[in-house]
């Protein structure tokens, strides 16, 4: 007989007992640790979006400017799962430059205008809440 050590994917506890089976016949496990946030889990989850490491990767990819569809395609999960996880974490996530931008007064920010011989221009648009109100971002990279 071979024993496989089962750990809770949420709290890494080894206090695990069998907890019945799912409708598909997959074994469900229960974490006996009182400090565990979830309590039950599947050892081989068929829903990858429920795995803690996938949830962490969703947040990491978003902070590195990956889009919802890119994230869903790379992690083989549904875009709805990505959006749901981002909405759950929205309260604790901040823009990277928020602390830097708040104290700035736009009239006091120094800027310099130079004429470039060649430049590469790109645009991107997105919306917040309503597609009829798009926000455009333009950026140019000039050669000296």
C-alpha atoms as a PDB file:
ATOM      1  CA  UNK A   1       0.000   0.000   0.000  1.00  0.00           C
ATOM      2  CA  UNK A   2       1.272   3.457  -0.906  1.00  0.00           C
ATOM      3  CA  UNK A   3       0.384   6.526   1.110  1.00  0.00           C
ATOM      4  CA  UNK A   4       0.222   9.909  -0.539  1.00  0.00           C
ATOM      5  CA  UNK A   5       0.646  12.926   1.740  1.00  0.00           C
ATOM      6  CA  UNK A   6      -2.227  15.300   1.023  1.00  0.00           C
ATOM      7  CA  UNK A   7      -1.873  18.978   1.923  1.00  0.00           C
ATOM      8  CA  UNK A   8      -4.533  21.648   1.895  1.00  0.00           C
ATOM      9  CA  UNK A   9      -3.835  23.943  -1.100  1.00  0.00           C
ATOM     10  CA  UNK A  10      -5.116  26.944   0.880  1.00  0.00           C
ATOM     11  CA  UNK A  11      -3.284  26.670   4.223  1.00  0.00           C
ATOM     12  CA  UNK A  12      -0.751  23.848   3.540  1.00  0.00           C
ATOM     13  CA  UNK A  13      -2.029  21.896   6.569  1.00  0.00           C
ATOM     14  CA  UNK A  14      -1.674  18.107   6.723  1.00  0.00           C
ATOM     15  CA  UNK A  15      -4.813  17.716   8.885  1.00  0.00           C
ATOM     16  CA  UNK A  16      -6.887  16.303   6.030  1.00  0.00           C
ATOM     17  CA  UNK A  17      -9.757  13.792   6.005  1.00  0.00           C
ATOM     18  CA  UNK A  18     -11.867  12.447   3.172  1.00  0.00           C
ATOM     19  CA  UNK A  19     -15.079  14.389   2.709  1.00  0.00           C
ATOM     20  CA  UNK A  20     -17.235  12.435   0.289  1.00  0.00           C
ATOM     21  CA  UNK A  21     -17.323  12.534  -3.477  1.00  0.00           C
ATOM     22  CA  UNK A  22     -18.532  15.011  -6.057  1.00  0.00           C
ATOM     23  CA  UNK A  23     -21.306  14.285  -8.536  1.00  0.00           C
ATOM     24  CA  UNK A  24     -18.611  13.219 -11.018  1.00  0.00           C
ATOM     25  CA  UNK A  25     -17.143  10.779  -8.512  1.00  0.00           C
ATOM     26  CA  UNK A  26     -14.022  12.788  -7.669  1.00  0.00           C
ATOM     27  CA  UNK A  27     -12.805  12.489  -4.076  1.00  0.00           C
ATOM     28  CA  UNK A  28     -13.419  15.585  -1.959  1.00  0.00           C
ATOM     29  CA  UNK A  29     -11.168  16.357   1.021  1.00  0.00           C
ATOM     30  CA  UNK A  30     -11.822  18.414   4.155  1.00  0.00           C
ATOM     31  CA  UNK A  31      -9.196  20.463   5.968  1.00  0.00           C
ATOM     32  CA  UNK A  32      -9.451  20.071   9.742  1.00  0.00           C
ATOM     33  CA  UNK A  33      -7.333  23.165  10.430  1.00  0.00           C
ATOM     34  CA  UNK A  34      -9.588  25.702  12.193  1.00  0.00           C
ATOM     35  CA  UNK A  35      -7.696  28.624  10.627  1.00  0.00           C
ATOM     36  CA  UNK A  36      -8.232  27.426   7.042  1.00  0.00           C
ATOM     37  CA  UNK A  37     -10.301  29.884   5.020  1.00  0.00           C
ATOM     38  CA  UNK A  38     -11.852  27.339   2.629  1.00  0.00           C
ATOM     39  CA  UNK A  39     -12.166  24.003   4.395  1.00  0.00           C
ATOM     40  CA  UNK A  40     -12.833  21.688   1.450  1.00  0.00           C
ATOM     41  CA  UNK A  41     -10.992  21.038  -1.798  1.00  0.00           C
ATOM     42  CA  UNK A  42     -10.434  18.579  -4.619  1.00  0.00           C
ATOM     43  CA  UNK A  43      -6.989  17.069  -5.069  1.00  0.00           C
ATOM     44  CA  UNK A  44      -7.130  17.138  -8.872  1.00  0.00           C
ATOM     45  CA  UNK A  45      -9.364  20.063  -9.678  1.00  0.00           C
ATOM     46  CA  UNK A  46     -10.847  20.053 -13.172  1.00  0.00           C
ATOM     47  CA  UNK A  47     -11.651  23.760 -12.730  1.00  0.00           C
ATOM     48  CA  UNK A  48      -8.215  25.385 -12.979  1.00  0.00           C
ATOM     49  CA  UNK A  49      -9.606  28.802 -12.063  1.00  0.00           C
ATOM     50  CA  UNK A  50     -10.223  27.629  -8.488  1.00  0.00           C
ATOM     51  CA  UNK A  51      -6.578  26.739  -7.854  1.00  0.00           C
ATOM     52  CA  UNK A  52      -4.757  29.219  -5.558  1.00  0.00           C
ATOM     53  CA  UNK A  53      -1.652  29.358  -7.764  1.00  0.00           C
ATOM     54  CA  UNK A  54      -3.802  30.265 -10.787  1.00  0.00           C
ATOM     55  CA  UNK A  55      -5.513  33.026  -8.781  1.00  0.00           C
ATOM     56  CA  UNK A  56      -2.114  34.463  -7.803  1.00  0.00           C
ATOM     57  CA  UNK A  57      -0.960  34.274 -11.428  1.00  0.00           C
ATOM     58  CA  UNK A  58      -4.076  36.182 -12.570  1.00  0.00           C
ATOM     59  CA  UNK A  59      -3.203  39.060 -10.226  1.00  0.00           C
ATOM     60  CA  UNK A  60       0.489  39.003 -11.195  1.00  0.00           C
ATOM     61  CA  UNK A  61      -0.335  39.065 -14.897  1.00  0.00           C
ATOM     62  CA  UNK A  62      -2.757  41.973 -14.430  1.00  0.00           C
ATOM     63  CA  UNK A  63      -0.141  43.977 -12.525  1.00  0.00           C
ATOM     64  CA  UNK A  64       2.211  43.349 -15.463  1.00  0.00           C
ATOM     65  CA  UNK A  65      -0.358  44.835 -17.867  1.00  0.00           C
ATOM     66  CA  UNK A  66      -1.715  41.602 -19.373  1.00  0.00           C
ATOM     67  CA  UNK A  67      -5.279  41.860 -20.605  1.00  0.00           C
ATOM     68  CA  UNK A  68      -8.179  39.673 -19.552  1.00  0.00           C
ATOM     69  CA  UNK A  69      -8.235  37.658 -22.772  1.00  0.00           C
ATOM     70  CA  UNK A  70      -4.440  37.226 -22.777  1.00  0.00           C
ATOM     71  CA  UNK A  71      -4.543  35.931 -19.220  1.00  0.00           C
ATOM     72  CA  UNK A  72      -7.411  33.548 -19.958  1.00  0.00           C
ATOM     73  CA  UNK A  73      -5.686  32.192 -23.057  1.00  0.00           C
ATOM     74  CA  UNK A  74      -2.315  31.636 -21.336  1.00  0.00           C
ATOM     75  CA  UNK A  75      -3.770  29.984 -18.212  1.00  0.00           C
ATOM     76  CA  UNK A  76      -6.419  27.913 -20.141  1.00  0.00           C
ATOM     77  CA  UNK A  77      -9.327  29.356 -18.112  1.00  0.00           C
ATOM     78  CA  UNK A  78     -12.460  31.327 -18.932  1.00  0.00           C
ATOM     79  CA  UNK A  79     -12.240  35.156 -19.238  1.00  0.00           C
ATOM     80  CA  UNK A  80     -15.182  35.348 -16.828  1.00  0.00           C
ATOM     81  CA  UNK A  81     -13.036  33.614 -14.200  1.00  0.00           C
ATOM     82  CA  UNK A  82     -10.302  36.214 -14.703  1.00  0.00           C
ATOM     83  CA  UNK A  83     -12.770  39.095 -14.325  1.00  0.00           C
ATOM     84  CA  UNK A  84     -14.354  37.542 -11.239  1.00  0.00           C
ATOM     85  CA  UNK A  85     -10.974  37.182  -9.531  1.00  0.00           C
ATOM     86  CA  UNK A  86      -9.937  40.728 -10.441  1.00  0.00           C
ATOM     87  CA  UNK A  87     -13.198  42.124  -9.060  1.00  0.00           C
ATOM     88  CA  UNK A  88     -12.633  40.244  -5.785  1.00  0.00           C
ATOM     89  CA  UNK A  89      -9.165  41.764  -5.446  1.00  0.00           C
ATOM     90  CA  UNK A  90     -10.025  45.249  -6.773  1.00  0.00           C
ATOM     91  CA  UNK A  91     -10.280  46.806  -3.301  1.00  0.00           C
ATOM     92  CA  UNK A  92      -6.713  45.862  -2.358  1.00  0.00           C
ATOM     93  CA  UNK A  93      -5.087  46.573  -5.736  1.00  0.00           C
ATOM     94  CA  UNK A  94      -3.874  50.068  -6.578  1.00  0.00           C
ATOM     95  CA  UNK A  95      -2.309  51.528  -9.646  1.00  0.00           C
ATOM     96  CA  UNK A  96       1.440  51.350  -9.523  1.00  0.00           C
ATOM     97  CA  UNK A  97       1.929  55.125  -9.812  1.00  0.00           C
ATOM     98  CA  UNK A  98      -0.971  56.334  -7.625  1.00  0.00           C
ATOM     99  CA  UNK A  99       1.259  57.390  -4.726  1.00  0.00           C
ATOM    100  CA  UNK A 100       3.548  59.252  -7.121  1.00  0.00           C
ATOM    101  CA  UNK A 101       0.799  60.995  -9.093  1.00  0.00           C
ATOM    102  CA  UNK A 102      -1.428  62.241  -6.249  1.00  0.00           C
ATOM    103  CA  UNK A 103       0.891  65.010  -4.965  1.00  0.00           C
ATOM    104  CA  UNK A 104       1.738  66.322  -8.448  1.00  0.00           C
ATOM    105  CA  UNK A 105       0.269  69.573  -9.684  1.00  0.00           C
ATOM    106  CA  UNK A 106       0.000  69.380 -13.521  1.00  0.00           C
ATOM    107  CA  UNK A 107       0.989  73.048 -13.949  1.00  0.00           C
ATOM    108  CA  UNK A 108       4.249  72.473 -12.040  1.00  0.00           C
ATOM    109  CA  UNK A 109       5.400  69.349 -13.921  1.00  0.00           C
ATOM    110  CA  UNK A 110       8.394  70.190 -16.127  1.00  0.00           C
ATOM    111  CA  UNK A 111       8.233  69.077 -19.736  1.00  0.00           C
ATOM    112  CA  UNK A 112      10.326  69.512 -22.842  1.00  0.00           C
ATOM    113  CA  UNK A 113       9.228  69.569 -26.469  1.00  0.00           C
ATOM    114  CA  UNK A 114      11.682  68.393 -29.124  1.00  0.00           C
ATOM    115  CA  UNK A 115      11.242  67.834 -32.825  1.00  0.00           C
ATOM    116  CA  UNK A 116      11.954  64.218 -33.803  1.00  0.00           C
ATOM    117  CA  UNK A 117      13.175  63.109 -37.201  1.00  0.00           C
ATOM    118  CA  UNK A 118      11.391  59.770 -37.005  1.00  0.00           C
ATOM    119  CA  UNK A 119       8.854  58.480 -34.516  1.00  0.00           C
ATOM    120  CA  UNK A 120       6.749  55.419 -33.920  1.00  0.00           C
ATOM    121  CA  UNK A 121       3.197  56.123 -32.803  1.00  0.00           C
ATOM    122  CA  UNK A 122       0.773  53.694 -31.256  1.00  0.00           C
ATOM    123  CA  UNK A 123      -2.688  53.989 -29.770  1.00  0.00           C
ATOM    124  CA  UNK A 124      -4.799  51.930 -27.436  1.00  0.00           C
ATOM    125  CA  UNK A 125      -8.347  52.369 -26.228  1.00  0.00           C
ATOM    126  CA  UNK A 126     -10.329  50.967 -23.369  1.00  0.00           C
ATOM    127  CA  UNK A 127     -13.508  51.756 -21.492  1.00  0.00           C
ATOM    128  CA  UNK A 128     -14.622  51.891 -17.898  1.00  0.00           C
ATOM    129  CA  UNK A 129     -18.138  50.648 -17.307  1.00  0.00           C
ATOM    130  CA  UNK A 130     -19.592  51.715 -20.641  1.00  0.00           C
ATOM    131  CA  UNK A 131     -18.350  51.105 -24.188  1.00  0.00           C
ATOM    132  CA  UNK A 132     -19.960  54.328 -25.413  1.00  0.00           C
ATOM    133  CA  UNK A 133     -17.369  56.294 -23.386  1.00  0.00           C
ATOM    134  CA  UNK A 134     -13.973  55.095 -24.696  1.00  0.00           C
ATOM    135  CA  UNK A 135     -10.686  56.387 -23.301  1.00  0.00           C
ATOM    136  CA  UNK A 136      -7.761  56.673 -25.705  1.00  0.00           C
ATOM    137  CA  UNK A 137      -4.073  56.479 -24.857  1.00  0.00           C
ATOM    138  CA  UNK A 138      -1.511  57.626 -27.420  1.00  0.00           C
ATOM    139  CA  UNK A 139       2.220  57.215 -27.060  1.00  0.00           C
ATOM    140  CA  UNK A 140       5.082  58.050 -29.378  1.00  0.00           C
ATOM    141  CA  UNK A 141       8.666  56.858 -29.353  1.00  0.00           C
ATOM    142  CA  UNK A 142      11.022  59.153 -31.207  1.00  0.00           C
ATOM    143  CA  UNK A 143      14.497  58.524 -32.542  1.00  0.00           C
ATOM    144  CA  UNK A 144      17.134  61.131 -31.537  1.00  0.00           C
END
